[in-house]
Amino acid sequence: MINAIVMIDAEAHAIPETAQAVADVDGVTEVYSCAGDVDLIAIVKVRDHQQIAEVVTQRINKVPGVVNTATHIAFQSYSSADIEAGFSIGE
């Protein structure tokens, strides 16, 4: 599974509607509204890189209210449980 984080600039007056429309896109598992440099962050989980291109460029970018996107591909996932397990090796 390939994970991508898509940073989305949205039209300010339509952020809730845009967020819901992005959340309804196949391949998008979560959408967060946030403060900071971007309006929304979408988590995309698909089987291959070609699907990321399809989800972002052919679907998310065409959602009404989406102004701009920047996509980051995740290489490695870490969680507090993973970190604790790493420190307990050999005990």
PDB file of N, CA and C in Angstrom:
ATOM      1  N   MET A   1       0.848  -1.180   0.000  1.00  0.00           N
ATOM      2  CA  MET A   1       0.000   0.000   0.000  1.00  0.00           C
ATOM      3  C   MET A   1       0.890   1.239   0.000  1.00  0.00           C
ATOM      4  N   ILE A   2       0.559   2.185  -0.849  1.00  0.00           N
ATOM      5  CA  ILE A   2       1.287   3.450  -0.917  1.00  0.00           C
ATOM      6  C   ILE A   2       0.436   4.527  -0.275  1.00  0.00           C
ATOM      7  N   ASN A   3       1.057   5.296   0.605  1.00  0.00           N
ATOM      8  CA  ASN A   3       0.373   6.388   1.296  1.00  0.00           C
ATOM      9  C   ASN A   3       0.905   7.716   0.781  1.00  0.00           C
ATOM     10  N   ALA A   4      -0.014   8.638   0.574  1.00  0.00           N
ATOM     11  CA  ALA A   4       0.375   9.986   0.166  1.00  0.00           C
ATOM     12  C   ALA A   4      -0.375  10.987   1.035  1.00  0.00           C
ATOM     13  N   ILE A   5       0.294  12.083   1.310  1.00  0.00           N
ATOM     14  CA  ILE A   5      -0.309  13.184   2.055  1.00  0.00           C
ATOM     15  C   ILE A   5      -0.480  14.317   1.054  1.00  0.00           C
ATOM     16  N   VAL A   6      -1.720  14.769   0.881  1.00  0.00           N
ATOM     17  CA  VAL A   6      -2.008  15.812  -0.101  1.00  0.00           C
ATOM     18  C   VAL A   6      -2.404  17.081   0.649  1.00  0.00           C
ATOM     19  N   MET A   7      -1.590  18.105   0.492  1.00  0.00           N
ATOM     20  CA  MET A   7      -1.854  19.409   1.083  1.00  0.00           C
ATOM     21  C   MET A   7      -2.716  20.187   0.086  1.00  0.00           C
ATOM     22  N   ILE A   8      -3.840  20.711   0.573  1.00  0.00           N
ATOM     23  CA  ILE A   8      -4.817  21.334  -0.325  1.00  0.00           C
ATOM     24  C   ILE A   8      -5.112  22.776   0.089  1.00  0.00           C
ATOM     25  N   ASP A   9      -4.967  23.679  -0.868  1.00  0.00           N
ATOM     26  CA  ASP A   9      -5.443  25.049  -0.696  1.00  0.00           C
ATOM     27  C   ASP A   9      -6.855  25.071  -1.255  1.00  0.00           C
ATOM     28  N   ALA A  10      -7.793  25.610  -0.478  1.00  0.00           N
ATOM     29  CA  ALA A  10      -9.193  25.636  -0.891  1.00  0.00           C
ATOM     30  C   ALA A  10      -9.734  27.049  -0.829  1.00  0.00           C
ATOM     31  N   GLU A  11     -10.825  27.260  -1.551  1.00  0.00           N
ATOM     32  CA  GLU A  11     -11.505  28.548  -1.470  1.00  0.00           C
ATOM     33  C   GLU A  11     -12.055  28.694  -0.056  1.00  0.00           C
ATOM     34  N   ALA A  12     -11.741  29.787   0.600  1.00  0.00           N
ATOM     35  CA  ALA A  12     -12.062  29.979   2.015  1.00  0.00           C
ATOM     36  C   ALA A  12     -13.547  29.836   2.322  1.00  0.00           C
ATOM     37  N   HIS A  13     -14.395  30.281   1.443  1.00  0.00           N
ATOM     38  CA  HIS A  13     -15.841  30.240   1.705  1.00  0.00           C
ATOM     39  C   HIS A  13     -16.431  28.840   1.557  1.00  0.00           C
ATOM     40  N   ALA A  14     -15.635  27.890   1.030  1.00  0.00           N
ATOM     41  CA  ALA A  14     -16.184  26.562   0.740  1.00  0.00           C
ATOM     42  C   ALA A  14     -15.378  25.426   1.368  1.00  0.00           C
ATOM     43  N   ILE A  15     -14.639  25.712   2.430  1.00  0.00           N
ATOM     44  CA  ILE A  15     -13.771  24.678   3.006  1.00  0.00           C
ATOM     45  C   ILE A  15     -14.558  23.449   3.481  1.00  0.00           C
ATOM     46  N   PRO A  16     -15.649  23.578   4.233  1.00  0.00           N
ATOM     47  CA  PRO A  16     -16.345  22.356   4.667  1.00  0.00           C
ATOM     48  C   PRO A  16     -16.885  21.520   3.507  1.00  0.00           C
ATOM     49  N   GLU A  17     -17.468  22.180   2.511  1.00  0.00           N
ATOM     50  CA  GLU A  17     -17.998  21.458   1.360  1.00  0.00           C
ATOM     51  C   GLU A  17     -16.879  20.812   0.540  1.00  0.00           C
ATOM     52  N   THR A  18     -15.782  21.526   0.394  1.00  0.00           N
ATOM     53  CA  THR A  18     -14.632  20.988  -0.339  1.00  0.00           C
ATOM     54  C   THR A  18     -14.055  19.790   0.392  1.00  0.00           C
ATOM     55  N   ALA A  19     -13.930  19.899   1.704  1.00  0.00           N
ATOM     56  CA  ALA A  19     -13.395  18.792   2.501  1.00  0.00           C
ATOM     57  C   ALA A  19     -14.255  17.550   2.349  1.00  0.00           C
ATOM     58  N   GLN A  20     -15.565  17.696   2.390  1.00  0.00           N
ATOM     59  CA  GLN A  20     -16.451  16.540   2.252  1.00  0.00           C
ATOM     60  C   GLN A  20     -16.356  15.936   0.857  1.00  0.00           C
ATOM     61  N   ALA A  21     -16.277  16.783  -0.156  1.00  0.00           N
ATOM     62  CA  ALA A  21     -16.165  16.286  -1.528  1.00  0.00           C
ATOM     63  C   ALA A  21     -14.854  15.533  -1.731  1.00  0.00           C
ATOM     64  N   VAL A  22     -13.762  16.032  -1.153  1.00  0.00           N
ATOM     65  CA  VAL A  22     -12.475  15.331  -1.238  1.00  0.00           C
ATOM     66  C   VAL A  22     -12.563  14.010  -0.487  1.00  0.00           C
ATOM     67  N   ALA A  23     -13.195  14.008   0.679  1.00  0.00           N
ATOM     68  CA  ALA A  23     -13.334  12.778   1.471  1.00  0.00           C
ATOM     69  C   ALA A  23     -14.118  11.710   0.714  1.00  0.00           C
ATOM     70  N   ASP A  24     -14.996  12.123  -0.175  1.00  0.00           N
ATOM     71  CA  ASP A  24     -15.807  11.181  -0.954  1.00  0.00           C
ATOM     72  C   ASP A  24     -15.073  10.585  -2.155  1.00  0.00           C
ATOM     73  N   VAL A  25     -13.865  11.060  -2.439  1.00  0.00           N
ATOM     74  CA  VAL A  25     -13.079  10.541  -3.565  1.00  0.00           C
ATOM     75  C   VAL A  25     -12.531   9.160  -3.215  1.00  0.00           C
ATOM     76  N   ASP A  26     -12.693   8.193  -4.121  1.00  0.00           N
ATOM     77  CA  ASP A  26     -12.122   6.855  -3.912  1.00  0.00           C
ATOM     78  C   ASP A  26     -10.610   6.964  -3.757  1.00  0.00           C
ATOM     79  N   GLY A  27     -10.072   6.312  -2.749  1.00  0.00           N
ATOM     80  CA  GLY A  27      -8.638   6.358  -2.468  1.00  0.00           C
ATOM     81  C   GLY A  27      -8.288   7.311  -1.341  1.00  0.00           C
ATOM     82  N   VAL A  28      -9.180   8.245  -1.031  1.00  0.00           N
ATOM     83  CA  VAL A  28      -8.956   9.177   0.079  1.00  0.00           C
ATOM     84  C   VAL A  28      -9.539   8.537   1.333  1.00  0.00           C
ATOM     85  N   THR A  29      -8.692   8.370   2.357  1.00  0.00           N
ATOM     86  CA  THR A  29      -9.154   7.728   3.589  1.00  0.00           C
ATOM     87  C   THR A  29      -9.508   8.723   4.679  1.00  0.00           C
ATOM     88  N   GLU A  30      -8.879   9.899   4.666  1.00  0.00           N
ATOM     89  CA  GLU A  30      -9.134  10.907   5.697  1.00  0.00           C
ATOM     90  C   GLU A  30      -8.899  12.289   5.115  1.00  0.00           C
ATOM     91  N   VAL A  31      -9.626  13.267   5.631  1.00  0.00           N
ATOM     92  CA  VAL A  31      -9.390  14.671   5.280  1.00  0.00           C
ATOM     93  C   VAL A  31      -9.460  15.475   6.572  1.00  0.00           C
ATOM     94  N   TYR A  32      -8.468  16.333   6.766  1.00  0.00           N
ATOM     95  CA  TYR A  32      -8.416  17.178   7.951  1.00  0.00           C
ATOM     96  C   TYR A  32      -8.445  18.638   7.536  1.00  0.00           C
ATOM     97  N   SER A  33      -9.265  19.443   8.202  1.00  0.00           N
ATOM     98  CA  SER A  33      -9.142  20.887   8.050  1.00  0.00           C
ATOM     99  C   SER A  33      -8.117  21.318   9.091  1.00  0.00           C
ATOM    100  N   CYS A  34      -7.329  22.313   8.758  1.00  0.00           N
ATOM    101  CA  CYS A  34      -6.257  22.671   9.690  1.00  0.00           C
ATOM    102  C   CYS A  34      -5.885  24.141   9.566  1.00  0.00           C
ATOM    103  N   ALA A  35      -5.167  24.597  10.563  1.00  0.00           N
ATOM    104  CA  ALA A  35      -4.613  25.940  10.546  1.00  0.00           C
ATOM    105  C   ALA A  35      -3.199  25.849   9.994  1.00  0.00           C
ATOM    106  N   GLY A  36      -2.717  26.935   9.472  1.00  0.00           N
ATOM    107  CA  GLY A  36      -1.349  26.930   8.967  1.00  0.00           C
ATOM    108  C   GLY A  36      -1.295  27.281   7.497  1.00  0.00           C
ATOM    109  N   ASP A  37      -0.318  26.702   6.807  1.00  0.00           N
ATOM    110  CA  ASP A  37      -0.052  27.047   5.412  1.00  0.00           C
ATOM    111  C   ASP A  37      -1.072  26.484   4.426  1.00  0.00           C
ATOM    112  N   VAL A  38      -1.815  25.456   4.818  1.00  0.00           N
ATOM    113  CA  VAL A  38      -2.800  24.847   3.926  1.00  0.00           C
ATOM    114  C   VAL A  38      -4.151  24.781   4.624  1.00  0.00           C
ATOM    115  N   ASP A  39      -5.191  24.611   3.842  1.00  0.00           N
ATOM    116  CA  ASP A  39      -6.537  24.559   4.401  1.00  0.00           C
ATOM    117  C   ASP A  39      -6.962  23.138   4.763  1.00  0.00           C
ATOM    118  N   LEU A  40      -6.576  22.173   3.928  1.00  0.00           N
ATOM    119  CA  LEU A  40      -6.972  20.785   4.122  1.00  0.00           C
ATOM    120  C   LEU A  40      -5.780  19.867   3.899  1.00  0.00           C
ATOM    121  N   ILE A  41      -5.793  18.749   4.606  1.00  0.00           N
ATOM    122  CA  ILE A  41      -4.809  17.696   4.366  1.00  0.00           C
ATOM    123  C   ILE A  41      -5.588  16.410   4.140  1.00  0.00           C
ATOM    124  N   ALA A  42      -5.324  15.771   2.991  1.00  0.00           N
ATOM    125  CA  ALA A  42      -5.986  14.512   2.661  1.00  0.00           C
ATOM    126  C   ALA A  42      -4.969  13.378   2.712  1.00  0.00           C
ATOM    127  N   ILE A  43      -5.371  12.254   3.254  1.00  0.00           N
ATOM    128  CA  ILE A  43      -4.551  11.052   3.267  1.00  0.00           C
ATOM    129  C   ILE A  43      -5.082  10.139   2.162  1.00  0.00           C
ATOM    130  N   VAL A  44      -4.192   9.760   1.265  1.00  0.00           N
ATOM    131  CA  VAL A  44      -4.547   8.891   0.150  1.00  0.00           C
ATOM    132  C   VAL A  44      -3.819   7.570   0.333  1.00  0.00           C
ATOM    133  N   LYS A  45      -4.546   6.461   0.227  1.00  0.00           N
ATOM    134  CA  LYS A  45      -3.963   5.129   0.329  1.00  0.00           C
ATOM    135  C   LYS A  45      -4.400   4.322  -0.887  1.00  0.00           C
ATOM    136  N   VAL A  46      -3.398   3.953  -1.720  1.00  0.00           N
ATOM    137  CA  VAL A  46      -3.665   3.214  -2.956  1.00  0.00           C
ATOM    138  C   VAL A  46      -2.599   2.138  -3.155  1.00  0.00           C
ATOM    139  N   ARG A  47      -2.802   1.312  -4.165  1.00  0.00           N
ATOM    140  CA  ARG A  47      -1.892   0.179  -4.401  1.00  0.00           C
ATOM    141  C   ARG A  47      -0.624   0.545  -5.162  1.00  0.00           C
ATOM    142  N   ASP A  48      -0.667   1.541  -6.048  1.00  0.00           N
ATOM    143  CA  ASP A  48       0.536   1.861  -6.826  1.00  0.00           C
ATOM    144  C   ASP A  48       0.602   3.357  -7.143  1.00  0.00           C
ATOM    145  N   HIS A  49       1.763   3.773  -7.637  1.00  0.00           N
ATOM    146  CA  HIS A  49       1.997   5.195  -7.905  1.00  0.00           C
ATOM    147  C   HIS A  49       1.054   5.740  -8.972  1.00  0.00           C
ATOM    148  N   GLN A  50       0.713   4.931  -9.958  1.00  0.00           N
ATOM    149  CA  GLN A  50      -0.207   5.384 -11.000  1.00  0.00           C
ATOM    150  C   GLN A  50      -1.546   5.802 -10.396  1.00  0.00           C
ATOM    151  N   GLN A  51      -2.004   5.065  -9.391  1.00  0.00           N
ATOM    152  CA  GLN A  51      -3.274   5.408  -8.750  1.00  0.00           C
ATOM    153  C   GLN A  51      -3.182   6.729  -8.003  1.00  0.00           C
ATOM    154  N   ILE A  52      -2.024   7.037  -7.427  1.00  0.00           N
ATOM    155  CA  ILE A  52      -1.861   8.342  -6.770  1.00  0.00           C
ATOM    156  C   ILE A  52      -2.046   9.449  -7.799  1.00  0.00           C
ATOM    157  N   ALA A  53      -1.430   9.286  -8.952  1.00  0.00           N
ATOM    158  CA  ALA A  53      -1.567  10.287 -10.010  1.00  0.00           C
ATOM    159  C   ALA A  53      -3.027  10.447 -10.405  1.00  0.00           C
ATOM    160  N   GLU A  54      -3.746   9.349 -10.523  1.00  0.00           N
ATOM    161  CA  GLU A  54      -5.156   9.421 -10.893  1.00  0.00           C
ATOM    162  C   GLU A  54      -5.991  10.102  -9.813  1.00  0.00           C
ATOM    163  N   VAL A  55      -5.793   9.687  -8.570  1.00  0.00           N
ATOM    164  CA  VAL A  55      -6.587  10.246  -7.471  1.00  0.00           C
ATOM    165  C   VAL A  55      -6.339  11.740  -7.331  1.00  0.00           C
ATOM    166  N   VAL A  56      -5.083  12.148  -7.376  1.00  0.00           N
ATOM    167  CA  VAL A  56      -4.772  13.567  -7.157  1.00  0.00           C
ATOM    168  C   VAL A  56      -5.097  14.417  -8.377  1.00  0.00           C
ATOM    169  N   THR A  57      -4.558  14.042  -9.528  1.00  0.00           N
ATOM    170  CA  THR A  57      -4.702  14.931 -10.688  1.00  0.00           C
ATOM    171  C   THR A  57      -6.055  14.832 -11.373  1.00  0.00           C
ATOM    172  N   GLN A  58      -6.660  13.657 -11.372  1.00  0.00           N
ATOM    173  CA  GLN A  58      -7.917  13.498 -12.091  1.00  0.00           C
ATOM    174  C   GLN A  58      -9.142  13.632 -11.200  1.00  0.00           C
ATOM    175  N   ARG A  59      -8.963  13.529  -9.880  1.00  0.00           N
ATOM    176  CA  ARG A  59     -10.126  13.610  -9.001  1.00  0.00           C
ATOM    177  C   ARG A  59     -10.039  14.787  -8.024  1.00  0.00           C
ATOM    178  N   ILE A  60      -9.031  14.755  -7.129  1.00  0.00           N
ATOM    179  CA  ILE A  60      -8.954  15.810  -6.106  1.00  0.00           C
ATOM    180  C   ILE A  60      -8.812  17.187  -6.750  1.00  0.00           C
ATOM    181  N   ASN A  61      -7.918  17.326  -7.718  1.00  0.00           N
ATOM    182  CA  ASN A  61      -7.711  18.638  -8.352  1.00  0.00           C
ATOM    183  C   ASN A  61      -8.941  19.159  -9.067  1.00  0.00           C
ATOM    184  N   LYS A  62      -9.887  18.290  -9.386  1.00  0.00           N
ATOM    185  CA  LYS A  62     -11.105  18.703 -10.087  1.00  0.00           C
ATOM    186  C   LYS A  62     -12.287  18.943  -9.155  1.00  0.00           C
ATOM    187  N   VAL A  63     -12.090  18.747  -7.862  1.00  0.00           N
ATOM    188  CA  VAL A  63     -13.160  19.005  -6.893  1.00  0.00           C
ATOM    189  C   VAL A  63     -13.405  20.513  -6.829  1.00  0.00           C
ATOM    190  N   PRO A  64     -14.649  20.954  -6.955  1.00  0.00           N
ATOM    191  CA  PRO A  64     -14.939  22.383  -6.816  1.00  0.00           C
ATOM    192  C   PRO A  64     -14.457  22.901  -5.455  1.00  0.00           C
ATOM    193  N   GLY A  65     -13.759  24.028  -5.487  1.00  0.00           N
ATOM    194  CA  GLY A  65     -13.237  24.617  -4.260  1.00  0.00           C
ATOM    195  C   GLY A  65     -11.754  24.357  -4.058  1.00  0.00           C
ATOM    196  N   VAL A  66     -11.199  23.341  -4.733  1.00  0.00           N
ATOM    197  CA  VAL A  66      -9.761  23.067  -4.631  1.00  0.00           C
ATOM    198  C   VAL A  66      -9.031  24.052  -5.534  1.00  0.00           C
ATOM    199  N   VAL A  67      -8.085  24.784  -4.945  1.00  0.00           N
ATOM    200  CA  VAL A  67      -7.335  25.794  -5.675  1.00  0.00           C
ATOM    201  C   VAL A  67      -5.973  25.256  -6.097  1.00  0.00           C
ATOM    202  N   ASN A  68      -5.312  24.529  -5.186  1.00  0.00           N
ATOM    203  CA  ASN A  68      -3.954  24.037  -5.437  1.00  0.00           C
ATOM    204  C   ASN A  68      -3.695  22.834  -4.544  1.00  0.00           C
ATOM    205  N   THR A  69      -2.833  21.922  -5.014  1.00  0.00           N
ATOM    206  CA  THR A  69      -2.433  20.781  -4.186  1.00  0.00           C
ATOM    207  C   THR A  69      -0.927  20.594  -4.245  1.00  0.00           C
ATOM    208  N   ALA A  70      -0.388  20.002  -3.192  1.00  0.00           N
ATOM    209  CA  ALA A  70       1.009  19.561  -3.151  1.00  0.00           C
ATOM    210  C   ALA A  70       0.984  18.169  -2.523  1.00  0.00           C
ATOM    211  N   THR A  71       1.568  17.206  -3.212  1.00  0.00           N
ATOM    212  CA  THR A  71       1.491  15.812  -2.777  1.00  0.00           C
ATOM    213  C   THR A  71       2.840  15.332  -2.268  1.00  0.00           C
ATOM    214  N   HIS A  72       2.811  14.648  -1.132  1.00  0.00           N
ATOM    215  CA  HIS A  72       4.003  14.069  -0.524  1.00  0.00           C
ATOM    216  C   HIS A  72       3.792  12.568  -0.391  1.00  0.00           C
ATOM    217  N   ILE A  73       4.719  11.783  -0.940  1.00  0.00           N
ATOM    218  CA  ILE A  73       4.636  10.328  -0.852  1.00  0.00           C
ATOM    219  C   ILE A  73       5.316   9.891   0.440  1.00  0.00           C
ATOM    220  N   ALA A  74       4.652   9.029   1.200  1.00  0.00           N
ATOM    221  CA  ALA A  74       5.229   8.528   2.458  1.00  0.00           C
ATOM    222  C   ALA A  74       6.094   7.302   2.163  1.00  0.00           C
ATOM    223  N   PHE A  75       7.296   7.264   2.730  1.00  0.00           N
ATOM    224  CA  PHE A  75       8.195   6.126   2.560  1.00  0.00           C
ATOM    225  C   PHE A  75       8.090   5.140   3.711  1.00  0.00           C
ATOM    226  N   GLN A  76       8.018   5.659   4.921  1.00  0.00           N
ATOM    227  CA  GLN A  76       8.050   4.825   6.119  1.00  0.00           C
ATOM    228  C   GLN A  76       7.036   5.362   7.115  1.00  0.00           C
ATOM    229  N   SER A  77       6.387   4.469   7.805  1.00  0.00           N
ATOM    230  CA  SER A  77       5.416   4.844   8.822  1.00  0.00           C
ATOM    231  C   SER A  77       5.982   4.537  10.204  1.00  0.00           C
ATOM    232  N   TYR A  78       5.804   5.444  11.134  1.00  0.00           N
ATOM    233  CA  TYR A  78       6.259   5.260  12.507  1.00  0.00           C
ATOM    234  C   TYR A  78       5.103   5.523  13.456  1.00  0.00           C
ATOM    235  N   SER A  79       5.052   4.786  14.533  1.00  0.00           N
ATOM    236  CA  SER A  79       4.079   5.049  15.586  1.00  0.00           C
ATOM    237  C   SER A  79       4.773   4.868  16.920  1.00  0.00           C
ATOM    238  N   SER A  80       4.158   5.319  17.995  1.00  0.00           N
ATOM    239  CA  SER A  80       4.782   5.176  19.308  1.00  0.00           C
ATOM    240  C   SER A  80       4.970   3.700  19.647  1.00  0.00           C
ATOM    241  N   ALA A  81       4.069   2.829  19.221  1.00  0.00           N
ATOM    242  CA  ALA A  81       4.216   1.388  19.491  1.00  0.00           C
ATOM    243  C   ALA A  81       5.430   0.835  18.763  1.00  0.00           C
ATOM    244  N   ASP A  82       5.681   1.289  17.525  1.00  0.00           N
ATOM    245  CA  ASP A  82       6.847   0.836  16.770  1.00  0.00           C
ATOM    246  C   ASP A  82       8.140   1.268  17.454  1.00  0.00           C
ATOM    247  N   ILE A  83       8.174   2.491  17.940  1.00  0.00           N
ATOM    248  CA  ILE A  83       9.371   3.021  18.585  1.00  0.00           C
ATOM    249  C   ILE A  83       9.649   2.272  19.877  1.00  0.00           C
ATOM    250  N   GLU A  84       8.614   2.048  20.692  1.00  0.00           N
ATOM    251  CA  GLU A  84       8.780   1.303  21.933  1.00  0.00           C
ATOM    252  C   GLU A  84       9.252  -0.122  21.658  1.00  0.00           C
ATOM    253  N   ALA A  85       8.727  -0.757  20.636  1.00  0.00           N
ATOM    254  CA  ALA A  85       9.146  -2.116  20.288  1.00  0.00           C
ATOM    255  C   ALA A  85      10.610  -2.141  19.883  1.00  0.00           C
ATOM    256  N   GLY A  86      11.060  -1.108  19.187  1.00  0.00           N
ATOM    257  CA  GLY A  86      12.462  -1.042  18.778  1.00  0.00           C
ATOM    258  C   GLY A  86      13.409  -0.936  19.943  1.00  0.00           C
ATOM    259  N   PHE A  87      13.009  -0.233  21.003  1.00  0.00           N
ATOM    260  CA  PHE A  87      13.851  -0.105  22.173  1.00  0.00           C
ATOM    261  C   PHE A  87      13.817  -1.337  23.056  1.00  0.00           C
ATOM    262  N   SER A  88      12.824  -2.191  22.897  1.00  0.00           N
ATOM    263  CA  SER A  88      12.723  -3.364  23.758  1.00  0.00           C
ATOM    264  C   SER A  88      13.393  -4.597  23.165  1.00  0.00           C
ATOM    265  N   ILE A  89      14.016  -4.453  21.990  1.00  0.00           N
ATOM    266  CA  ILE A  89      14.697  -5.603  21.376  1.00  0.00           C
ATOM    267  C   ILE A  89      15.841  -6.033  22.280  1.00  0.00           C
ATOM    268  N   GLY A  90      15.921  -7.316  22.517  1.00  0.00           N
ATOM    269  CA  GLY A  90      17.001  -7.868  23.326  1.00  0.00           C
ATOM    270  C   GLY A  90      16.730  -7.881  24.817  1.00  0.00           C
ATOM    271  N   GLU A  91      15.594  -7.462  25.228  1.00  0.00           N
ATOM    272  CA  GLU A  91      15.293  -7.469  26.656  1.00  0.00           C
ATOM    273  C   GLU A  91      14.765  -8.813  27.081  1.00  0.00           C
TER     274      GLU A  91
END
